[in-house]
Amino acid sequence: MSDTDSPNALAGDAVAPEPGIRILAQFVRDLSFENPRAPDVLRSGGPQPQIDMGVEMNARGRDDGLFEVDLRLSARAAREDGPVFMVELVYGGLFAIDGVPSESLEAVLLVECPRFLFPFARRIIADVTADGSFPPFMLDPIDFNAVYMARKAEAEGMGVVQGTA
């Protein structure tokens, strides 16, 4: 079948590009690991620490038409007698996004792009906690859509006006 035989070509319609996301680069923007009570905290025994997790996604457009997306993950482990460890990671990616309608772009940047970055960020956090002499801290999968929707609802509830592009 030639290009002129396609239904869109026969109808004279312009063919819209297929939506696509390409990861052009991935990088550690910032990484911090603290083990403030080493080596005493490394002795086995004691109760399991309480873990507080934080997740944040940020995106910005660039002059060259590409997008930078940052996934910020933080974990703080503590017991009754004090902190065990703290890790913070900002893992970034450079993305080319094609064929995505402008009304869907924010969701793609803050949901789909972090989904691509998460497995790599998870491995970095597991490695750095293991290097700190703890069992590797394996983050549970994150529902980035739920995080995005909750933040969006929170912003709308506070009267923040969402801009449209």
N, C-alpha and C. Protein backbone atom coordinates (compact mmCIF):
# COMPACT_ATOMS: atom_id res chain seq x y z
N MET A 1 0.85 -1.17 0.00
CA MET A 1 0.00 0.00 0.00
C MET A 1 0.89 1.23 0.00
N SER A 2 0.62 2.15 -0.86
CA SER A 2 1.43 3.37 -0.91
C SER A 2 0.87 4.41 0.04
N ASP A 3 1.62 5.49 0.22
CA ASP A 3 1.17 6.56 1.11
C ASP A 3 -0.13 7.19 0.62
N THR A 4 -0.33 7.19 -0.67
CA THR A 4 -1.54 7.80 -1.20
C THR A 4 -2.76 6.93 -1.02
N ASP A 5 -2.57 5.67 -0.65
CA ASP A 5 -3.70 4.78 -0.45
C ASP A 5 -4.22 4.80 0.99
N SER A 6 -3.53 5.48 1.88
CA SER A 6 -3.99 5.51 3.27
C SER A 6 -5.24 6.36 3.38
N PRO A 7 -6.14 6.05 4.32
CA PRO A 7 -7.38 6.82 4.47
C PRO A 7 -7.12 8.31 4.71
N ASN A 8 -6.12 8.64 5.49
CA ASN A 8 -5.84 10.05 5.77
C ASN A 8 -5.35 10.76 4.53
N ALA A 9 -4.53 10.10 3.71
CA ALA A 9 -4.01 10.72 2.51
C ALA A 9 -5.13 10.92 1.49
N LEU A 10 -6.05 9.96 1.39
CA LEU A 10 -7.17 10.08 0.46
C LEU A 10 -8.10 11.22 0.85
N ALA A 11 -8.27 11.41 2.14
CA ALA A 11 -9.16 12.45 2.62
C ALA A 11 -8.49 13.82 2.60
N GLY A 12 -7.19 13.85 2.32
CA GLY A 12 -6.48 15.10 2.28
C GLY A 12 -6.12 15.63 3.66
N ASP A 13 -6.27 14.82 4.69
CA ASP A 13 -5.94 15.25 6.05
C ASP A 13 -4.44 15.20 6.27
N ALA A 14 -3.96 16.14 7.06
CA ALA A 14 -2.56 16.10 7.48
C ALA A 14 -2.44 15.04 8.56
N VAL A 15 -1.41 14.23 8.47
CA VAL A 15 -1.21 13.17 9.45
C VAL A 15 -0.46 13.75 10.65
N ALA A 16 -1.08 13.64 11.82
CA ALA A 16 -0.45 14.13 13.05
C ALA A 16 0.62 13.14 13.46
N PRO A 17 1.72 13.65 14.00
CA PRO A 17 2.77 12.71 14.44
C PRO A 17 2.27 11.83 15.57
N GLU A 18 2.75 10.60 15.57
CA GLU A 18 2.43 9.68 16.65
C GLU A 18 2.96 10.25 17.95
N PRO A 19 2.15 10.19 19.03
CA PRO A 19 2.69 10.64 20.31
C PRO A 19 3.89 9.79 20.71
N GLY A 20 4.91 10.45 21.21
CA GLY A 20 6.11 9.72 21.60
C GLY A 20 6.93 10.46 22.63
N ILE A 21 7.59 9.68 23.45
CA ILE A 21 8.48 10.21 24.48
C ILE A 21 9.84 9.56 24.26
N ARG A 22 10.86 10.38 24.10
CA ARG A 22 12.22 9.87 23.97
C ARG A 22 13.05 10.40 25.12
N ILE A 23 13.79 9.52 25.77
CA ILE A 23 14.70 9.91 26.84
C ILE A 23 16.06 10.16 26.20
N LEU A 24 16.50 11.40 26.24
CA LEU A 24 17.77 11.76 25.62
C LEU A 24 18.93 11.66 26.60
N ALA A 25 18.66 11.85 27.88
CA ALA A 25 19.71 11.76 28.91
C ALA A 25 19.06 11.53 30.27
N GLN A 26 19.80 10.87 31.14
CA GLN A 26 19.40 10.69 32.54
C GLN A 26 20.60 11.03 33.39
N PHE A 27 20.35 11.61 34.58
CA PHE A 27 21.48 12.06 35.39
C PHE A 27 21.08 12.25 36.84
N VAL A 28 22.08 12.12 37.71
CA VAL A 28 21.90 12.47 39.11
C VAL A 28 22.17 13.97 39.22
N ARG A 29 21.15 14.70 39.60
CA ARG A 29 21.31 16.14 39.79
C ARG A 29 21.83 16.42 41.20
N ASP A 30 21.33 15.66 42.19
CA ASP A 30 21.76 15.86 43.57
C ASP A 30 21.55 14.55 44.33
N LEU A 31 22.51 14.20 45.16
CA LEU A 31 22.41 12.98 45.96
C LEU A 31 23.04 13.25 47.31
N SER A 32 22.30 12.91 48.37
CA SER A 32 22.81 13.08 49.72
C SER A 32 22.44 11.84 50.53
N PHE A 33 23.42 11.30 51.24
CA PHE A 33 23.18 10.20 52.16
C PHE A 33 23.85 10.53 53.48
N GLU A 34 23.08 10.43 54.54
CA GLU A 34 23.62 10.70 55.87
C GLU A 34 23.41 9.48 56.75
N ASN A 35 24.45 9.14 57.47
CA ASN A 35 24.45 8.03 58.42
C ASN A 35 25.00 8.63 59.72
N PRO A 36 24.21 9.49 60.39
CA PRO A 36 24.75 10.34 61.46
C PRO A 36 25.24 9.60 62.71
N ARG A 37 24.77 8.39 62.92
CA ARG A 37 25.15 7.70 64.15
C ARG A 37 26.02 6.48 63.88
N ALA A 38 26.67 6.43 62.72
CA ALA A 38 27.57 5.33 62.41
C ALA A 38 28.79 5.44 63.31
N PRO A 39 29.38 4.38 63.72
CA PRO A 39 29.05 3.00 63.44
C PRO A 39 28.09 2.37 64.45
N ASP A 40 27.73 3.10 65.52
CA ASP A 40 26.89 2.50 66.56
C ASP A 40 25.55 1.99 66.05
N VAL A 41 24.92 2.70 65.14
CA VAL A 41 23.61 2.31 64.65
C VAL A 41 23.67 1.06 63.78
N LEU A 42 24.87 0.70 63.33
CA LEU A 42 25.01 -0.44 62.43
C LEU A 42 24.96 -1.79 63.14
N ARG A 43 25.07 -1.78 64.45
CA ARG A 43 24.96 -3.05 65.18
C ARG A 43 23.57 -3.62 65.00
N SER A 44 23.50 -4.91 64.78
CA SER A 44 22.19 -5.53 64.56
C SER A 44 21.38 -5.52 65.85
N GLY A 45 20.11 -5.65 65.67
CA GLY A 45 19.21 -5.64 66.81
C GLY A 45 18.43 -4.34 66.86
N GLY A 46 17.50 -4.30 67.75
CA GLY A 46 16.67 -3.11 67.87
C GLY A 46 15.46 -3.20 66.96
N PRO A 47 14.50 -2.36 67.22
CA PRO A 47 13.27 -2.39 66.41
C PRO A 47 13.52 -1.88 64.99
N GLN A 48 12.63 -2.26 64.10
CA GLN A 48 12.70 -1.75 62.73
C GLN A 48 12.49 -0.23 62.77
N PRO A 49 13.23 0.49 61.98
CA PRO A 49 13.04 1.95 61.96
C PRO A 49 11.74 2.34 61.25
N GLN A 50 11.21 3.49 61.64
CA GLN A 50 10.09 4.10 60.93
C GLN A 50 10.67 4.83 59.72
N ILE A 51 10.04 4.68 58.57
CA ILE A 51 10.52 5.31 57.34
C ILE A 51 9.51 6.37 56.90
N ASP A 52 9.99 7.58 56.70
CA ASP A 52 9.17 8.65 56.12
C ASP A 52 9.67 8.88 54.71
N MET A 53 8.75 8.82 53.75
CA MET A 53 9.09 8.98 52.34
C MET A 53 8.55 10.29 51.80
N GLY A 54 9.27 10.84 50.85
CA GLY A 54 8.80 12.02 50.14
C GLY A 54 9.00 11.82 48.65
N VAL A 55 8.04 12.27 47.85
CA VAL A 55 8.10 12.17 46.40
C VAL A 55 7.67 13.51 45.82
N GLU A 56 8.45 13.99 44.87
CA GLU A 56 8.11 15.25 44.20
C GLU A 56 8.55 15.15 42.75
N MET A 57 7.73 15.67 41.86
CA MET A 57 8.07 15.69 40.45
C MET A 57 8.03 17.13 39.97
N ASN A 58 9.01 17.51 39.18
CA ASN A 58 9.07 18.86 38.61
C ASN A 58 9.48 18.75 37.16
N ALA A 59 8.98 19.66 36.34
CA ALA A 59 9.32 19.67 34.92
C ALA A 59 9.41 21.12 34.45
N ARG A 60 10.26 21.30 33.44
CA ARG A 60 10.33 22.62 32.82
C ARG A 60 10.71 22.46 31.36
N GLY A 61 10.17 23.36 30.55
CA GLY A 61 10.51 23.38 29.14
C GLY A 61 11.81 24.13 28.94
N ARG A 62 12.48 23.83 27.86
CA ARG A 62 13.74 24.49 27.52
C ARG A 62 13.57 25.24 26.20
N ASP A 63 14.47 26.16 25.95
CA ASP A 63 14.42 26.95 24.72
C ASP A 63 14.57 26.09 23.46
N ASP A 64 15.22 24.92 23.59
CA ASP A 64 15.44 24.06 22.43
C ASP A 64 14.27 23.10 22.16
N GLY A 65 13.15 23.27 22.90
CA GLY A 65 11.98 22.43 22.69
C GLY A 65 11.98 21.13 23.47
N LEU A 66 13.04 20.88 24.21
CA LEU A 66 13.12 19.68 25.04
C LEU A 66 12.59 20.00 26.43
N PHE A 67 12.46 18.97 27.26
CA PHE A 67 11.94 19.14 28.61
C PHE A 67 12.87 18.47 29.62
N GLU A 68 13.10 19.15 30.74
CA GLU A 68 13.84 18.56 31.86
C GLU A 68 12.81 18.16 32.91
N VAL A 69 12.93 16.93 33.37
CA VAL A 69 12.04 16.42 34.40
C VAL A 69 12.90 15.93 35.55
N ASP A 70 12.56 16.36 36.76
CA ASP A 70 13.26 15.93 37.96
C ASP A 70 12.33 15.11 38.84
N LEU A 71 12.85 14.01 39.34
CA LEU A 71 12.16 13.17 40.30
C LEU A 71 12.95 13.28 41.61
N ARG A 72 12.31 13.85 42.62
CA ARG A 72 12.95 14.03 43.92
C ARG A 72 12.38 13.00 44.89
N LEU A 73 13.26 12.14 45.39
CA LEU A 73 12.87 11.10 46.35
C LEU A 73 13.66 11.32 47.63
N SER A 74 12.98 11.20 48.75
CA SER A 74 13.68 11.31 50.03
C SER A 74 13.14 10.24 50.97
N ALA A 75 14.02 9.73 51.80
CA ALA A 75 13.64 8.74 52.81
C ALA A 75 14.42 9.04 54.08
N ARG A 76 13.70 9.05 55.18
CA ARG A 76 14.31 9.26 56.49
C ARG A 76 13.90 8.09 57.38
N ALA A 77 14.90 7.38 57.88
CA ALA A 77 14.66 6.24 58.77
C ALA A 77 15.05 6.64 60.18
N ALA A 78 14.19 6.37 61.14
CA ALA A 78 14.47 6.74 62.52
C ALA A 78 13.87 5.71 63.47
N ARG A 79 14.53 5.57 64.60
CA ARG A 79 14.01 4.76 65.71
C ARG A 79 13.74 5.72 66.86
N GLU A 80 13.22 5.19 67.94
CA GLU A 80 12.93 6.03 69.11
C GLU A 80 14.17 6.76 69.61
N ASP A 81 15.34 6.12 69.48
CA ASP A 81 16.56 6.71 70.01
C ASP A 81 17.26 7.66 69.03
N GLY A 82 16.63 7.91 67.86
CA GLY A 82 17.22 8.88 66.94
C GLY A 82 17.25 8.42 65.50
N PRO A 83 17.86 9.25 64.63
CA PRO A 83 17.88 8.94 63.20
C PRO A 83 18.78 7.73 62.90
N VAL A 84 18.40 7.01 61.87
CA VAL A 84 19.18 5.87 61.41
C VAL A 84 19.92 6.27 60.13
N PHE A 85 19.16 6.71 59.12
CA PHE A 85 19.79 7.25 57.91
C PHE A 85 18.82 8.21 57.23
N MET A 86 19.37 9.03 56.37
CA MET A 86 18.59 9.95 55.53
C MET A 86 19.20 9.91 54.13
N VAL A 87 18.34 9.79 53.13
CA VAL A 87 18.80 9.81 51.75
C VAL A 87 17.87 10.72 50.95
N GLU A 88 18.48 11.55 50.13
CA GLU A 88 17.73 12.42 49.23
C GLU A 88 18.37 12.32 47.85
N LEU A 89 17.53 12.15 46.85
CA LEU A 89 18.01 12.02 45.49
C LEU A 89 17.14 12.88 44.57
N VAL A 90 17.79 13.67 43.74
CA VAL A 90 17.10 14.34 42.64
C VAL A 90 17.68 13.72 41.38
N TYR A 91 16.84 12.95 40.69
CA TYR A 91 17.25 12.24 39.49
C TYR A 91 16.52 12.88 38.32
N GLY A 92 17.27 13.29 37.33
CA GLY A 92 16.69 14.04 36.22
C GLY A 92 16.77 13.32 34.91
N GLY A 93 15.96 13.80 34.00
CA GLY A 93 15.98 13.29 32.64
C GLY A 93 15.71 14.41 31.66
N LEU A 94 16.27 14.26 30.48
CA LEU A 94 16.04 15.19 29.39
C LEU A 94 15.19 14.45 28.37
N PHE A 95 14.03 15.01 28.05
CA PHE A 95 13.04 14.32 27.22
C PHE A 95 12.69 15.12 25.98
N ALA A 96 12.47 14.41 24.89
CA ALA A 96 11.87 14.97 23.68
C ALA A 96 10.46 14.38 23.62
N ILE A 97 9.48 15.22 23.51
CA ILE A 97 8.08 14.77 23.50
C ILE A 97 7.43 15.27 22.21
N ASP A 98 6.90 14.34 21.46
CA ASP A 98 6.30 14.67 20.17
C ASP A 98 4.85 14.21 20.12
N GLY A 99 4.02 14.98 19.43
CA GLY A 99 2.65 14.57 19.14
C GLY A 99 1.72 14.52 20.33
N VAL A 100 2.07 15.18 21.43
CA VAL A 100 1.21 15.19 22.62
C VAL A 100 0.45 16.51 22.63
N PRO A 101 -0.88 16.46 22.71
CA PRO A 101 -1.65 17.70 22.76
C PRO A 101 -1.26 18.54 23.97
N SER A 102 -1.31 19.86 23.82
CA SER A 102 -0.87 20.75 24.90
C SER A 102 -1.64 20.53 26.19
N GLU A 103 -2.92 20.14 26.11
CA GLU A 103 -3.70 19.92 27.34
C GLU A 103 -3.26 18.65 28.07
N SER A 104 -2.54 17.76 27.41
CA SER A 104 -2.05 16.53 28.03
C SER A 104 -0.58 16.60 28.43
N LEU A 105 0.10 17.65 28.03
CA LEU A 105 1.55 17.73 28.23
C LEU A 105 1.95 17.70 29.70
N GLU A 106 1.23 18.44 30.55
CA GLU A 106 1.57 18.47 31.98
C GLU A 106 1.52 17.07 32.58
N ALA A 107 0.47 16.32 32.28
CA ALA A 107 0.34 14.96 32.82
C ALA A 107 1.45 14.06 32.29
N VAL A 108 1.80 14.19 31.03
CA VAL A 108 2.89 13.38 30.47
C VAL A 108 4.19 13.69 31.20
N LEU A 109 4.46 14.98 31.41
CA LEU A 109 5.71 15.38 32.06
C LEU A 109 5.78 14.95 33.53
N LEU A 110 4.64 14.99 34.23
CA LEU A 110 4.66 14.73 35.66
C LEU A 110 4.18 13.33 36.06
N VAL A 111 3.79 12.54 35.08
CA VAL A 111 3.37 11.16 35.37
C VAL A 111 4.22 10.18 34.56
N GLU A 112 4.17 10.30 33.25
CA GLU A 112 4.85 9.32 32.40
C GLU A 112 6.38 9.43 32.48
N CYS A 113 6.90 10.64 32.41
CA CYS A 113 8.36 10.79 32.47
C CYS A 113 8.94 10.27 33.79
N PRO A 114 8.34 10.61 34.96
CA PRO A 114 8.86 10.02 36.20
C PRO A 114 8.79 8.49 36.23
N ARG A 115 7.80 7.91 35.54
CA ARG A 115 7.72 6.44 35.47
C ARG A 115 8.95 5.86 34.79
N PHE A 116 9.46 6.56 33.78
CA PHE A 116 10.68 6.11 33.11
C PHE A 116 11.90 6.25 34.02
N LEU A 117 11.94 7.30 34.82
CA LEU A 117 13.10 7.58 35.67
C LEU A 117 13.13 6.73 36.94
N PHE A 118 11.97 6.33 37.44
CA PHE A 118 11.88 5.69 38.75
C PHE A 118 12.76 4.45 38.92
N PRO A 119 12.79 3.49 38.00
CA PRO A 119 13.61 2.29 38.25
C PRO A 119 15.09 2.61 38.47
N PHE A 120 15.60 3.63 37.78
CA PHE A 120 17.00 4.00 37.92
C PHE A 120 17.24 4.70 39.25
N ALA A 121 16.30 5.57 39.64
CA ALA A 121 16.41 6.25 40.93
C ALA A 121 16.30 5.24 42.08
N ARG A 122 15.42 4.28 41.93
CA ARG A 122 15.25 3.23 42.95
C ARG A 122 16.55 2.47 43.16
N ARG A 123 17.22 2.13 42.06
CA ARG A 123 18.48 1.40 42.17
C ARG A 123 19.55 2.23 42.87
N ILE A 124 19.61 3.51 42.57
CA ILE A 124 20.61 4.38 43.20
C ILE A 124 20.39 4.43 44.71
N ILE A 125 19.14 4.57 45.14
CA ILE A 125 18.84 4.61 46.57
C ILE A 125 19.17 3.26 47.23
N ALA A 126 18.86 2.16 46.56
CA ALA A 126 19.20 0.85 47.11
C ALA A 126 20.71 0.70 47.25
N ASP A 127 21.46 1.16 46.23
CA ASP A 127 22.92 1.04 46.27
C ASP A 127 23.52 1.91 47.37
N VAL A 128 23.06 3.14 47.50
CA VAL A 128 23.68 4.05 48.48
C VAL A 128 23.36 3.60 49.91
N THR A 129 22.18 3.06 50.16
CA THR A 129 21.90 2.57 51.52
C THR A 129 22.72 1.32 51.81
N ALA A 130 22.90 0.47 50.80
CA ALA A 130 23.76 -0.71 50.99
C ALA A 130 25.20 -0.28 51.23
N ASP A 131 25.67 0.73 50.52
CA ASP A 131 27.02 1.25 50.74
C ASP A 131 27.17 1.87 52.12
N GLY A 132 26.06 2.29 52.72
CA GLY A 132 26.07 2.82 54.08
C GLY A 132 25.98 1.72 55.12
N SER A 133 26.08 0.47 54.71
CA SER A 133 26.07 -0.72 55.56
C SER A 133 24.69 -1.09 56.09
N PHE A 134 23.66 -0.66 55.40
CA PHE A 134 22.29 -1.07 55.73
C PHE A 134 21.82 -2.05 54.66
N PRO A 135 20.76 -2.79 54.96
CA PRO A 135 20.17 -3.57 53.87
C PRO A 135 19.71 -2.61 52.77
N PRO A 136 19.81 -2.99 51.52
CA PRO A 136 19.37 -2.08 50.45
C PRO A 136 17.92 -1.65 50.68
N PHE A 137 17.69 -0.35 50.65
CA PHE A 137 16.34 0.18 50.82
C PHE A 137 15.65 0.17 49.46
N MET A 138 14.72 -0.75 49.28
CA MET A 138 14.03 -0.92 48.01
C MET A 138 12.69 -0.19 48.07
N LEU A 139 12.60 0.90 47.34
CA LEU A 139 11.37 1.67 47.30
C LEU A 139 10.26 0.86 46.67
N ASP A 140 9.07 0.95 47.24
CA ASP A 140 7.91 0.34 46.62
C ASP A 140 7.56 1.13 45.36
N PRO A 141 6.91 0.48 44.40
CA PRO A 141 6.47 1.23 43.21
C PRO A 141 5.61 2.42 43.63
N ILE A 142 5.69 3.47 42.85
CA ILE A 142 4.96 4.71 43.14
C ILE A 142 3.92 4.92 42.05
N ASP A 143 2.71 5.25 42.46
CA ASP A 143 1.63 5.59 41.53
C ASP A 143 1.75 7.08 41.24
N PHE A 144 2.51 7.43 40.20
CA PHE A 144 2.76 8.83 39.90
C PHE A 144 1.49 9.56 39.49
N ASN A 145 0.54 8.86 38.90
CA ASN A 145 -0.72 9.50 38.56
C ASN A 145 -1.47 9.93 39.81
N ALA A 146 -1.50 9.08 40.83
CA ALA A 146 -2.17 9.43 42.09
C ALA A 146 -1.48 10.61 42.76
N VAL A 147 -0.14 10.63 42.75
CA VAL A 147 0.60 11.75 43.34
C VAL A 147 0.28 13.03 42.57
N TYR A 148 0.28 12.95 41.25
CA TYR A 148 -0.02 14.12 40.41
C TYR A 148 -1.43 14.64 40.69
N MET A 149 -2.41 13.74 40.70
CA MET A 149 -3.80 14.15 40.93
C MET A 149 -3.98 14.75 42.33
N ALA A 150 -3.33 14.18 43.34
CA ALA A 150 -3.44 14.72 44.70
C ALA A 150 -2.84 16.12 44.77
N ARG A 151 -1.69 16.31 44.15
CA ARG A 151 -1.06 17.64 44.16
C ARG A 151 -1.90 18.65 43.39
N LYS A 152 -2.50 18.21 42.30
CA LYS A 152 -3.34 19.09 41.49
C LYS A 152 -4.59 19.49 42.28
N ALA A 153 -5.21 18.53 42.96
CA ALA A 153 -6.39 18.81 43.78
C ALA A 153 -6.03 19.75 44.93
N GLU A 154 -4.86 19.52 45.52
CA GLU A 154 -4.40 20.38 46.62
C GLU A 154 -4.20 21.81 46.12
N ALA A 155 -3.59 21.97 44.95
CA ALA A 155 -3.36 23.30 44.39
C ALA A 155 -4.67 24.00 44.07
N GLU A 156 -5.63 23.26 43.52
CA GLU A 156 -6.93 23.85 43.20
C GLU A 156 -7.69 24.21 44.47
N GLY A 157 -7.54 23.41 45.52
CA GLY A 157 -8.21 23.69 46.79
C GLY A 157 -7.66 24.92 47.48
N MET A 158 -6.41 25.25 47.19
CA MET A 158 -5.78 26.43 47.79
C MET A 158 -6.00 27.68 46.95
N GLY A 159 -6.75 27.52 45.85
CA GLY A 159 -7.04 28.67 45.00
C GLY A 159 -5.95 29.01 44.03
N VAL A 160 -5.00 28.08 43.83
CA VAL A 160 -3.95 28.32 42.86
C VAL A 160 -4.54 28.15 41.48
N VAL A 161 -4.33 29.11 40.62
CA VAL A 161 -4.86 29.05 39.29
C VAL A 161 -3.87 28.29 38.40
N GLN A 162 -4.37 27.24 37.75
CA GLN A 162 -3.54 26.47 36.83
C GLN A 162 -3.52 27.19 35.49
N GLY A 163 -2.35 27.46 34.99
CA GLY A 163 -2.23 28.13 33.70
C GLY A 163 -2.46 27.15 32.57
N THR A 164 -2.93 27.68 31.45
CA THR A 164 -3.09 26.85 30.27
C THR A 164 -2.15 27.36 29.19
N ALA A 165 -1.61 26.44 28.46
CA ALA A 165 -0.65 26.82 27.42
C ALA A 165 -1.30 26.79 26.06
